[in-house]
Every structure is written in structure tokens, then in C-alpha cells.
């Protein structure tokens, strides 16, 4: 199970900048653990999003409980793989609420 969930939603405006959102809930751990996970996610985003992210889209990383124990290199591979699936159009589509 990956240490995060990635949500990518293209925006309808003409702005091609990529935006990133990071969230880690209290279920993951105390404030120290949540902040460490957010720092790791920011580092991942700085390294991988400029090359592999979708231009003009919002990218949201949601931290999961197993993410803090994961090796940073594993998280890099998982994020690169998830972004490649999004680029290819093979990502799981979000369910639209009724």
C-alpha cells in the first residue's frame, strides 16, 4: 500500500502553472510525525513535479499511515509511477458526487 494518495484535477483556466496541496490527517500520528511527512512530500514535489506533473493542474498529496516509515527513494518511485499513470490517462477517475 502506498504511503500517499495522489489526486490530480486539471483546471479550467488558461494558467499553465502546477499547484500542489499537501494534507496529512491526525489519524497518521501526532504533530511531529505529520509535519515530517509534509516536509517529505514537499521535497518530493520539488524534485518530481516540474518534470512529471500535469501543467495547469492541481496536485494533492494525501498522507497515509504507512508513508512515514517508507524510504524516501520508494516514495519517489511511487510518485513518479502515479504521475506517469496520470500522464497516460490510466489513472483511476474520481467519482463525481451526485
PDB file of N, CA and C in Angstrom:
ATOM      1  N   UNK A   1       0.850  -1.183   0.000  1.00  0.00           N
ATOM      2  CA  UNK A   1       0.000   0.000   0.000  1.00  0.00           C
ATOM      3  C   UNK A   1       0.891   1.241   0.000  1.00  0.00           C
ATOM      4  N   UNK A   2       0.632   2.175  -0.914  1.00  0.00           N
ATOM      5  CA  UNK A   2       1.478   3.368  -0.975  1.00  0.00           C
ATOM      6  C   UNK A   2       1.315   4.244   0.264  1.00  0.00           C
ATOM      7  N   UNK A   3       2.296   5.110   0.472  1.00  0.00           N
ATOM      8  CA  UNK A   3       2.273   5.990   1.624  1.00  0.00           C
ATOM      9  C   UNK A   3       1.459   7.246   1.408  1.00  0.00           C
ATOM     10  N   UNK A   4       0.814   7.351   0.251  1.00  0.00           N
ATOM     11  CA  UNK A   4       0.028   8.547  -0.046  1.00  0.00           C
ATOM     12  C   UNK A   4      -1.019   8.230  -1.098  1.00  0.00           C
ATOM     13  N   UNK A   5      -1.949   9.159  -1.247  1.00  0.00           N
ATOM     14  CA  UNK A   5      -2.916   9.140  -2.344  1.00  0.00           C
ATOM     15  C   UNK A   5      -2.663  10.413  -3.138  1.00  0.00           C
ATOM     16  N   UNK A   6      -2.629  10.292  -4.446  1.00  0.00           N
ATOM     17  CA  UNK A   6      -2.415  11.448  -5.314  1.00  0.00           C
ATOM     18  C   UNK A   6      -3.706  11.762  -6.044  1.00  0.00           C
ATOM     19  N   UNK A   7      -4.152  13.003  -5.926  1.00  0.00           N
ATOM     20  CA  UNK A   7      -5.306  13.485  -6.683  1.00  0.00           C
ATOM     21  C   UNK A   7      -4.811  14.555  -7.645  1.00  0.00           C
ATOM     22  N   UNK A   8      -5.206  14.452  -8.901  1.00  0.00           N
ATOM     23  CA  UNK A   8      -4.823  15.446  -9.907  1.00  0.00           C
ATOM     24  C   UNK A   8      -6.089  15.891 -10.614  1.00  0.00           C
ATOM     25  N   UNK A   9      -6.317  17.183 -10.611  1.00  0.00           N
ATOM     26  CA  UNK A   9      -7.501  17.729 -11.277  1.00  0.00           C
ATOM     27  C   UNK A   9      -7.070  18.891 -12.169  1.00  0.00           C
ATOM     28  N   UNK A  10      -7.268  18.755 -13.482  1.00  0.00           N
ATOM     29  CA  UNK A  10      -6.960  19.871 -14.388  1.00  0.00           C
ATOM     30  C   UNK A  10      -7.881  21.059 -14.103  1.00  0.00           C
ATOM     31  N   UNK A  11      -7.309  22.258 -14.215  1.00  0.00           N
ATOM     32  CA  UNK A  11      -8.103  23.468 -14.005  1.00  0.00           C
ATOM     33  C   UNK A  11      -8.654  23.947 -15.339  1.00  0.00           C
ATOM     34  N   UNK A  12      -9.708  24.715 -15.279  1.00  0.00           N
ATOM     35  CA  UNK A  12     -10.359  25.215 -16.492  1.00  0.00           C
ATOM     36  C   UNK A  12      -9.854  26.585 -16.926  1.00  0.00           C
ATOM     37  N   UNK A  13      -8.894  27.141 -16.210  1.00  0.00           N
ATOM     38  CA  UNK A  13      -8.382  28.453 -16.596  1.00  0.00           C
ATOM     39  C   UNK A  13      -7.213  28.285 -17.574  1.00  0.00           C
ATOM     40  N   UNK A  14      -6.718  29.379 -18.079  1.00  0.00           N
ATOM     41  CA  UNK A  14      -5.637  29.321 -19.069  1.00  0.00           C
ATOM     42  C   UNK A  14      -4.253  29.340 -18.417  1.00  0.00           C
ATOM     43  N   UNK A  15      -4.194  29.305 -17.108  1.00  0.00           N
ATOM     44  CA  UNK A  15      -2.926  29.327 -16.380  1.00  0.00           C
ATOM     45  C   UNK A  15      -2.280  27.943 -16.445  1.00  0.00           C
ATOM     46  N   UNK A  16      -1.026  27.868 -16.869  1.00  0.00           N
ATOM     47  CA  UNK A  16      -0.364  26.570 -17.022  1.00  0.00           C
ATOM     48  C   UNK A  16       0.488  26.188 -15.816  1.00  0.00           C
ATOM     49  N   UNK A  17       0.432  26.974 -14.747  1.00  0.00           N
ATOM     50  CA  UNK A  17       1.236  26.629 -13.578  1.00  0.00           C
ATOM     51  C   UNK A  17       0.630  25.431 -12.849  1.00  0.00           C
ATOM     52  N   UNK A  18       1.521  24.636 -12.259  1.00  0.00           N
ATOM     53  CA  UNK A  18       1.082  23.496 -11.454  1.00  0.00           C
ATOM     54  C   UNK A  18       0.970  23.955 -10.011  1.00  0.00           C
ATOM     55  N   UNK A  19      -0.070  23.497  -9.353  1.00  0.00           N
ATOM     56  CA  UNK A  19      -0.227  23.815  -7.936  1.00  0.00           C
ATOM     57  C   UNK A  19      -0.192  22.516  -7.147  1.00  0.00           C
ATOM     58  N   UNK A  20       0.288  22.619  -5.897  1.00  0.00           N
ATOM     59  CA  UNK A  20       0.400  21.437  -5.047  1.00  0.00           C
ATOM     60  C   UNK A  20      -0.313  21.696  -3.727  1.00  0.00           C
ATOM     61  N   UNK A  21      -1.017  20.692  -3.264  1.00  0.00           N
ATOM     62  CA  UNK A  21      -1.644  20.722  -1.954  1.00  0.00           C
ATOM     63  C   UNK A  21      -1.208  19.481  -1.196  1.00  0.00           C
ATOM     64  N   UNK A  22      -0.945  19.643   0.079  1.00  0.00           N
ATOM     65  CA  UNK A  22      -0.487  18.521   0.900  1.00  0.00           C
ATOM     66  C   UNK A  22      -1.332  18.479   2.155  1.00  0.00           C
ATOM     67  N   UNK A  23      -1.836  17.291   2.474  1.00  0.00           N
ATOM     68  CA  UNK A  23      -2.614  17.133   3.691  1.00  0.00           C
ATOM     69  C   UNK A  23      -2.272  15.801   4.351  1.00  0.00           C
ATOM     70  N   UNK A  24      -2.192  15.834   5.660  1.00  0.00           N
ATOM     71  CA  UNK A  24      -1.951  14.633   6.458  1.00  0.00           C
ATOM     72  C   UNK A  24      -2.877  14.729   7.659  1.00  0.00           C
ATOM     73  N   UNK A  25      -3.757  13.754   7.819  1.00  0.00           N
ATOM     74  CA  UNK A  25      -4.754  13.833   8.889  1.00  0.00           C
ATOM     75  C   UNK A  25      -4.173  13.401  10.235  1.00  0.00           C
ATOM     76  N   UNK A  26      -4.911  13.670  11.283  1.00  0.00           N
ATOM     77  CA  UNK A  26      -4.485  13.307  12.633  1.00  0.00           C
ATOM     78  C   UNK A  26      -4.431  11.801  12.841  1.00  0.00           C
ATOM     79  N   UNK A  27      -5.088  11.046  11.973  1.00  0.00           N
ATOM     80  CA  UNK A  27      -5.050   9.587  12.082  1.00  0.00           C
ATOM     81  C   UNK A  27      -3.644   9.041  11.844  1.00  0.00           C
ATOM     82  N   UNK A  28      -2.819   9.801  11.141  1.00  0.00           N
ATOM     83  CA  UNK A  28      -1.471   9.349  10.803  1.00  0.00           C
ATOM     84  C   UNK A  28      -0.553   9.390  12.016  1.00  0.00           C
ATOM     85  N   UNK A  29      -0.691  10.390  12.859  1.00  0.00           N
ATOM     86  CA  UNK A  29       0.183  10.495  14.023  1.00  0.00           C
ATOM     87  C   UNK A  29       0.086  11.869  14.651  1.00  0.00           C
ATOM     88  N   UNK A  30       1.004  12.107  15.579  1.00  0.00           N
ATOM     89  CA  UNK A  30       0.987  13.403  16.256  1.00  0.00           C
ATOM     90  C   UNK A  30       1.564  14.492  15.342  1.00  0.00           C
ATOM     91  N   UNK A  31       1.624  15.707  15.832  1.00  0.00           N
ATOM     92  CA  UNK A  31       2.023  16.852  15.007  1.00  0.00           C
ATOM     93  C   UNK A  31       3.440  16.701  14.460  1.00  0.00           C
ATOM     94  N   UNK A  32       4.339  16.140  15.250  1.00  0.00           N
ATOM     95  CA  UNK A  32       5.723  15.977  14.802  1.00  0.00           C
ATOM     96  C   UNK A  32       5.781  15.048  13.588  1.00  0.00           C
ATOM     97  N   UNK A  33       5.065  13.944  13.653  1.00  0.00           N
ATOM     98  CA  UNK A  33       5.051  12.976  12.551  1.00  0.00           C
ATOM     99  C   UNK A  33       4.366  13.567  11.323  1.00  0.00           C
ATOM    100  N   UNK A  34       3.240  14.245  11.528  1.00  0.00           N
ATOM    101  CA  UNK A  34       2.527  14.849  10.395  1.00  0.00           C
ATOM    102  C   UNK A  34       3.385  15.897   9.700  1.00  0.00           C
ATOM    103  N   UNK A  35       4.080  16.722  10.472  1.00  0.00           N
ATOM    104  CA  UNK A  35       4.929  17.759   9.876  1.00  0.00           C
ATOM    105  C   UNK A  35       6.119  17.152   9.141  1.00  0.00           C
ATOM    106  N   UNK A  36       6.689  16.072   9.684  1.00  0.00           N
ATOM    107  CA  UNK A  36       7.788  15.396   8.992  1.00  0.00           C
ATOM    108  C   UNK A  36       7.312  14.845   7.649  1.00  0.00           C
ATOM    109  N   UNK A  37       6.119  14.266   7.655  1.00  0.00           N
ATOM    110  CA  UNK A  37       5.570  13.721   6.414  1.00  0.00           C
ATOM    111  C   UNK A  37       5.319  14.840   5.401  1.00  0.00           C
ATOM    112  N   UNK A  38       4.811  15.973   5.852  1.00  0.00           N
ATOM    113  CA  UNK A  38       4.580  17.097   4.940  1.00  0.00           C
ATOM    114  C   UNK A  38       5.895  17.611   4.355  1.00  0.00           C
ATOM    115  N   UNK A  39       6.954  17.659   5.173  1.00  0.00           N
ATOM    116  CA  UNK A  39       8.263  18.089   4.661  1.00  0.00           C
ATOM    117  C   UNK A  39       8.764  17.130   3.586  1.00  0.00           C
ATOM    118  N   UNK A  40       8.575  15.835   3.814  1.00  0.00           N
ATOM    119  CA  UNK A  40       8.990  14.841   2.820  1.00  0.00           C
ATOM    120  C   UNK A  40       8.185  15.007   1.528  1.00  0.00           C
ATOM    121  N   UNK A  41       6.885  15.264   1.644  1.00  0.00           N
ATOM    122  CA  UNK A  41       6.049  15.462   0.458  1.00  0.00           C
ATOM    123  C   UNK A  41       6.464  16.712  -0.308  1.00  0.00           C
ATOM    124  N   UNK A  42       6.798  17.783   0.413  1.00  0.00           N
ATOM    125  CA  UNK A  42       7.251  18.999  -0.269  1.00  0.00           C
ATOM    126  C   UNK A  42       8.551  18.738  -1.032  1.00  0.00           C
ATOM    127  N   UNK A  43       9.459  17.971  -0.421  1.00  0.00           N
ATOM    128  CA  UNK A  43      10.713  17.630  -1.104  1.00  0.00           C
ATOM    129  C   UNK A  43      10.440  16.777  -2.343  1.00  0.00           C
ATOM    130  N   UNK A  44       9.518  15.831  -2.231  1.00  0.00           N
ATOM    131  CA  UNK A  44       9.132  15.015  -3.391  1.00  0.00           C
ATOM    132  C   UNK A  44       8.579  15.896  -4.508  1.00  0.00           C
ATOM    133  N   UNK A  45       7.704  16.802  -4.145  1.00  0.00           N
ATOM    134  CA  UNK A  45       7.072  17.673  -5.138  1.00  0.00           C
ATOM    135  C   UNK A  45       8.114  18.547  -5.833  1.00  0.00           C
ATOM    136  N   UNK A  46       9.074  19.077  -5.080  1.00  0.00           N
ATOM    137  CA  UNK A  46      10.122  19.908  -5.685  1.00  0.00           C
ATOM    138  C   UNK A  46      10.949  19.114  -6.693  1.00  0.00           C
ATOM    139  N   UNK A  47      11.200  17.839  -6.392  1.00  0.00           N
ATOM    140  CA  UNK A  47      12.040  17.026  -7.271  1.00  0.00           C
ATOM    141  C   UNK A  47      11.301  16.504  -8.498  1.00  0.00           C
ATOM    142  N   UNK A  48      10.070  16.046  -8.319  1.00  0.00           N
ATOM    143  CA  UNK A  48       9.411  15.266  -9.362  1.00  0.00           C
ATOM    144  C   UNK A  48       8.378  16.060 -10.163  1.00  0.00           C
ATOM    145  N   UNK A  49       7.624  16.937  -9.521  1.00  0.00           N
ATOM    146  CA  UNK A  49       6.538  17.623 -10.231  1.00  0.00           C
ATOM    147  C   UNK A  49       6.981  18.479 -11.415  1.00  0.00           C
ATOM    148  N   UNK A  50       8.100  19.192 -11.352  1.00  0.00           N
ATOM    149  CA  UNK A  50       8.453  20.015 -12.518  1.00  0.00           C
ATOM    150  C   UNK A  50       8.585  19.217 -13.817  1.00  0.00           C
ATOM    151  N   UNK A  51       9.078  17.974 -13.747  1.00  0.00           N
ATOM    152  CA  UNK A  51       9.236  17.175 -14.962  1.00  0.00           C
ATOM    153  C   UNK A  51       8.012  16.324 -15.258  1.00  0.00           C
ATOM    154  N   UNK A  52       7.370  15.778 -14.223  1.00  0.00           N
ATOM    155  CA  UNK A  52       6.344  14.754 -14.442  1.00  0.00           C
ATOM    156  C   UNK A  52       4.919  15.225 -14.169  1.00  0.00           C
ATOM    157  N   UNK A  53       4.751  16.405 -13.594  1.00  0.00           N
ATOM    158  CA  UNK A  53       3.409  16.870 -13.264  1.00  0.00           C
ATOM    159  C   UNK A  53       2.631  17.343 -14.479  1.00  0.00           C
ATOM    160  N   UNK A  54       1.329  17.476 -14.316  1.00  0.00           N
ATOM    161  CA  UNK A  54       0.459  17.963 -15.388  1.00  0.00           C
ATOM    162  C   UNK A  54       0.415  19.488 -15.351  1.00  0.00           C
ATOM    163  N   UNK A  55       0.820  20.162 -16.425  1.00  0.00           N
ATOM    164  CA  UNK A  55       0.730  21.620 -16.446  1.00  0.00           C
ATOM    165  C   UNK A  55      -0.734  22.061 -16.359  1.00  0.00           C
ATOM    166  N   UNK A  56      -0.972  23.109 -15.605  1.00  0.00           N
ATOM    167  CA  UNK A  56      -2.322  23.642 -15.472  1.00  0.00           C
ATOM    168  C   UNK A  56      -3.241  22.786 -14.629  1.00  0.00           C
ATOM    169  N   UNK A  57      -2.670  22.006 -13.707  1.00  0.00           N
ATOM    170  CA  UNK A  57      -3.483  21.122 -12.874  1.00  0.00           C
ATOM    171  C   UNK A  57      -3.150  21.329 -11.401  1.00  0.00           C
ATOM    172  N   UNK A  58      -4.092  20.955 -10.567  1.00  0.00           N
ATOM    173  CA  UNK A  58      -3.879  20.941  -9.122  1.00  0.00           C
ATOM    174  C   UNK A  58      -3.492  19.523  -8.726  1.00  0.00           C
ATOM    175  N   UNK A  59      -2.413  19.387  -7.973  1.00  0.00           N
ATOM    176  CA  UNK A  59      -1.933  18.091  -7.494  1.00  0.00           C
ATOM    177  C   UNK A  59      -2.080  18.087  -5.976  1.00  0.00           C
ATOM    178  N   UNK A  60      -2.734  17.084  -5.435  1.00  0.00           N
ATOM    179  CA  UNK A  60      -2.935  16.990  -3.990  1.00  0.00           C
ATOM    180  C   UNK A  60      -2.365  15.662  -3.511  1.00  0.00           C
ATOM    181  N   UNK A  61      -1.460  15.730  -2.543  1.00  0.00           N
ATOM    182  CA  UNK A  61      -0.907  14.540  -1.905  1.00  0.00           C
ATOM    183  C   UNK A  61      -1.567  14.385  -0.544  1.00  0.00           C
ATOM    184  N   UNK A  62      -2.164  13.228  -0.315  1.00  0.00           N
ATOM    185  CA  UNK A  62      -2.814  12.933   0.958  1.00  0.00           C
ATOM    186  C   UNK A  62      -1.995  11.851   1.641  1.00  0.00           C
ATOM    187  N   UNK A  63      -1.426  12.173   2.788  1.00  0.00           N
ATOM    188  CA  UNK A  63      -0.573  11.229   3.502  1.00  0.00           C
ATOM    189  C   UNK A  63      -1.362  10.103   4.138  1.00  0.00           C
ATOM    190  N   UNK A  64      -0.805   8.903   4.076  1.00  0.00           N
ATOM    191  CA  UNK A  64      -1.392   7.720   4.699  1.00  0.00           C
ATOM    192  C   UNK A  64      -0.456   7.203   5.785  1.00  0.00           C
ATOM    193  N   UNK A  65      -0.989   6.358   6.639  1.00  0.00           N
ATOM    194  CA  UNK A  65      -0.261   5.909   7.825  1.00  0.00           C
ATOM    195  C   UNK A  65       1.081   5.257   7.493  1.00  0.00           C
ATOM    196  N   UNK A  66       1.192   4.499   6.429  1.00  0.00           N
ATOM    197  CA  UNK A  66       2.440   3.812   6.118  1.00  0.00           C
ATOM    198  C   UNK A  66       3.500   4.694   5.496  1.00  0.00           C
ATOM    199  N   UNK A  67       3.187   5.920   5.196  1.00  0.00           N
ATOM    200  CA  UNK A  67       4.108   6.786   4.468  1.00  0.00           C
ATOM    201  C   UNK A  67       5.314   7.242   5.250  1.00  0.00           C
ATOM    202  N   UNK A  68       5.206   7.355   6.541  1.00  0.00           N
ATOM    203  CA  UNK A  68       6.316   7.890   7.321  1.00  0.00           C
ATOM    204  C   UNK A  68       7.439   6.870   7.462  1.00  0.00           C
ATOM    205  N   UNK A  69       7.110   5.575   7.446  1.00  0.00           N
ATOM    206  CA  UNK A  69       8.146   4.549   7.563  1.00  0.00           C
ATOM    207  C   UNK A  69       8.813   4.246   6.227  1.00  0.00           C
ATOM    208  N   UNK A  70       8.214   4.687   5.140  1.00  0.00           N
ATOM    209  CA  UNK A  70       8.738   4.397   3.804  1.00  0.00           C
ATOM    210  C   UNK A  70      10.058   5.115   3.561  1.00  0.00           C
ATOM    211  N   UNK A  71      10.927   4.441   2.832  1.00  0.00           N
ATOM    212  CA  UNK A  71      12.175   5.039   2.398  1.00  0.00           C
ATOM    213  C   UNK A  71      11.859   6.149   1.387  1.00  0.00           C
ATOM    214  N   UNK A  72      12.639   7.221   1.411  1.00  0.00           N
ATOM    215  CA  UNK A  72      12.377   8.354   0.524  1.00  0.00           C
ATOM    216  C   UNK A  72      12.465   7.940  -0.943  1.00  0.00           C
ATOM    217  N   UNK A  73      13.402   7.065  -1.276  1.00  0.00           N
ATOM    218  CA  UNK A  73      13.538   6.597  -2.661  1.00  0.00           C
ATOM    219  C   UNK A  73      12.293   5.829  -3.101  1.00  0.00           C
ATOM    220  N   UNK A  74      11.693   5.065  -2.188  1.00  0.00           N
ATOM    221  CA  UNK A  74      10.453   4.348  -2.516  1.00  0.00           C
ATOM    222  C   UNK A  74       9.322   5.329  -2.799  1.00  0.00           C
ATOM    223  N   UNK A  75       9.231   6.377  -1.981  1.00  0.00           N
ATOM    224  CA  UNK A  75       8.204   7.394  -2.205  1.00  0.00           C
ATOM    225  C   UNK A  75       8.417   8.092  -3.551  1.00  0.00           C
ATOM    226  N   UNK A  76       9.678   8.347  -3.903  1.00  0.00           N
ATOM    227  CA  UNK A  76       9.968   8.967  -5.200  1.00  0.00           C
ATOM    228  C   UNK A  76       9.474   8.086  -6.340  1.00  0.00           C
ATOM    229  N   UNK A  77       9.780   6.788  -6.260  1.00  0.00           N
ATOM    230  CA  UNK A  77       9.342   5.863  -7.315  1.00  0.00           C
ATOM    231  C   UNK A  77       7.820   5.800  -7.394  1.00  0.00           C
ATOM    232  N   UNK A  78       7.158   5.748  -6.227  1.00  0.00           N
ATOM    233  CA  UNK A  78       5.695   5.665  -6.209  1.00  0.00           C
ATOM    234  C   UNK A  78       5.057   6.917  -6.813  1.00  0.00           C
ATOM    235  N   UNK A  79       5.596   8.091  -6.480  1.00  0.00           N
ATOM    236  CA  UNK A  79       5.039   9.327  -7.027  1.00  0.00           C
ATOM    237  C   UNK A  79       5.291   9.417  -8.532  1.00  0.00           C
ATOM    238  N   UNK A  80       6.488   9.052  -8.970  1.00  0.00           N
ATOM    239  CA  UNK A  80       6.782   9.080 -10.403  1.00  0.00           C
ATOM    240  C   UNK A  80       5.865   8.119 -11.156  1.00  0.00           C
ATOM    241  N   UNK A  81       5.624   6.951 -10.587  1.00  0.00           N
ATOM    242  CA  UNK A  81       4.741   5.969 -11.221  1.00  0.00           C
ATOM    243  C   UNK A  81       3.305   6.490 -11.286  1.00  0.00           C
ATOM    244  N   UNK A  82       2.838   7.100 -10.194  1.00  0.00           N
ATOM    245  CA  UNK A  82       1.476   7.637 -10.163  1.00  0.00           C
ATOM    246  C   UNK A  82       1.311   8.764 -11.180  1.00  0.00           C
ATOM    247  N   UNK A  83       2.296   9.641 -11.277  1.00  0.00           N
ATOM    248  CA  UNK A  83       2.215  10.738 -12.245  1.00  0.00           C
ATOM    249  C   UNK A  83       2.297  10.219 -13.682  1.00  0.00           C
ATOM    250  N   UNK A  84       3.063   9.152 -13.907  1.00  0.00           N
ATOM    251  CA  UNK A  84       3.121   8.558 -15.244  1.00  0.00           C
ATOM    252  C   UNK A  84       1.760   7.990 -15.632  1.00  0.00           C
ATOM    253  N   UNK A  85       1.070   7.372 -14.678  1.00  0.00           N
ATOM    254  CA  UNK A  85      -0.273   6.844 -14.957  1.00  0.00           C
ATOM    255  C   UNK A  85      -1.235   7.978 -15.298  1.00  0.00           C
ATOM    256  N   UNK A  86      -1.104   9.099 -14.604  1.00  0.00           N
ATOM    257  CA  UNK A  86      -1.964  10.253 -14.892  1.00  0.00           C
ATOM    258  C   UNK A  86      -1.666  10.776 -16.295  1.00  0.00           C
ATOM    259  N   UNK A  87      -0.377  10.891 -16.639  1.00  0.00           N
ATOM    260  CA  UNK A  87       0.009  11.393 -17.967  1.00  0.00           C
ATOM    261  C   UNK A  87      -0.530  10.502 -19.081  1.00  0.00           C
ATOM    262  N   UNK A  88      -0.543   9.181 -18.839  1.00  0.00           N
ATOM    263  CA  UNK A  88      -1.002   8.234 -19.855  1.00  0.00           C
ATOM    264  C   UNK A  88      -2.516   8.096 -19.886  1.00  0.00           C
ATOM    265  N   UNK A  89      -3.194   8.683 -18.920  1.00  0.00           N
ATOM    266  CA  UNK A  89      -4.645   8.574 -18.859  1.00  0.00           C
ATOM    267  C   UNK A  89      -5.128   7.266 -18.264  1.00  0.00           C
ATOM    268  N   UNK A  90      -4.250   6.548 -17.566  1.00  0.00           N
ATOM    269  CA  UNK A  90      -4.605   5.260 -16.977  1.00  0.00           C
ATOM    270  C   UNK A  90      -4.980   5.365 -15.504  1.00  0.00           C
ATOM    271  N   UNK A  91      -4.982   6.553 -14.974  1.00  0.00           N
ATOM    272  CA  UNK A  91      -5.289   6.731 -13.556  1.00  0.00           C
ATOM    273  C   UNK A  91      -6.765   6.483 -13.291  1.00  0.00           C
ATOM    274  N   UNK A  92      -7.049   6.084 -12.083  1.00  0.00           N
ATOM    275  CA  UNK A  92      -8.435   5.846 -11.680  1.00  0.00           C
ATOM    276  C   UNK A  92      -9.158   7.188 -11.606  1.00  0.00           C
ATOM    277  N   UNK A  93     -10.318   7.269 -12.221  1.00  0.00           N
ATOM    278  CA  UNK A  93     -11.083   8.513 -12.251  1.00  0.00           C
ATOM    279  C   UNK A  93     -11.792   8.728 -10.921  1.00  0.00           C
ATOM    280  N   UNK A  94     -11.860   9.970 -10.518  1.00  0.00           N
ATOM    281  CA  UNK A  94     -12.573  10.314  -9.289  1.00  0.00           C
ATOM    282  C   UNK A  94     -14.069  10.171  -9.503  1.00  0.00           C
ATOM    283  N   UNK A  95     -14.740   9.745  -8.467  1.00  0.00           N
ATOM    284  CA  UNK A  95     -16.193   9.615  -8.545  1.00  0.00           C
ATOM    285  C   UNK A  95     -16.817  10.976  -8.290  1.00  0.00           C
ATOM    286  N   UNK A  96     -17.705  11.366  -9.162  1.00  0.00           N
ATOM    287  CA  UNK A  96     -18.372  12.659  -9.043  1.00  0.00           C
ATOM    288  C   UNK A  96     -19.574  12.496  -8.122  1.00  0.00           C
ATOM    289  N   UNK A  97     -19.674  13.320  -7.072  1.00  0.00           N
ATOM    290  CA  UNK A  97     -20.829  13.208  -6.184  1.00  0.00           C
ATOM    291  C   UNK A  97     -22.116  13.573  -6.909  1.00  0.00           C
ATOM    292  N   UNK A  98     -23.177  12.944  -6.489  1.00  0.00           N
ATOM    293  CA  UNK A  98     -24.471  13.207  -7.135  1.00  0.00           C
ATOM    294  C   UNK A  98     -25.096  14.462  -6.644  1.00  0.00           C
TER     295      UNK A  98
END
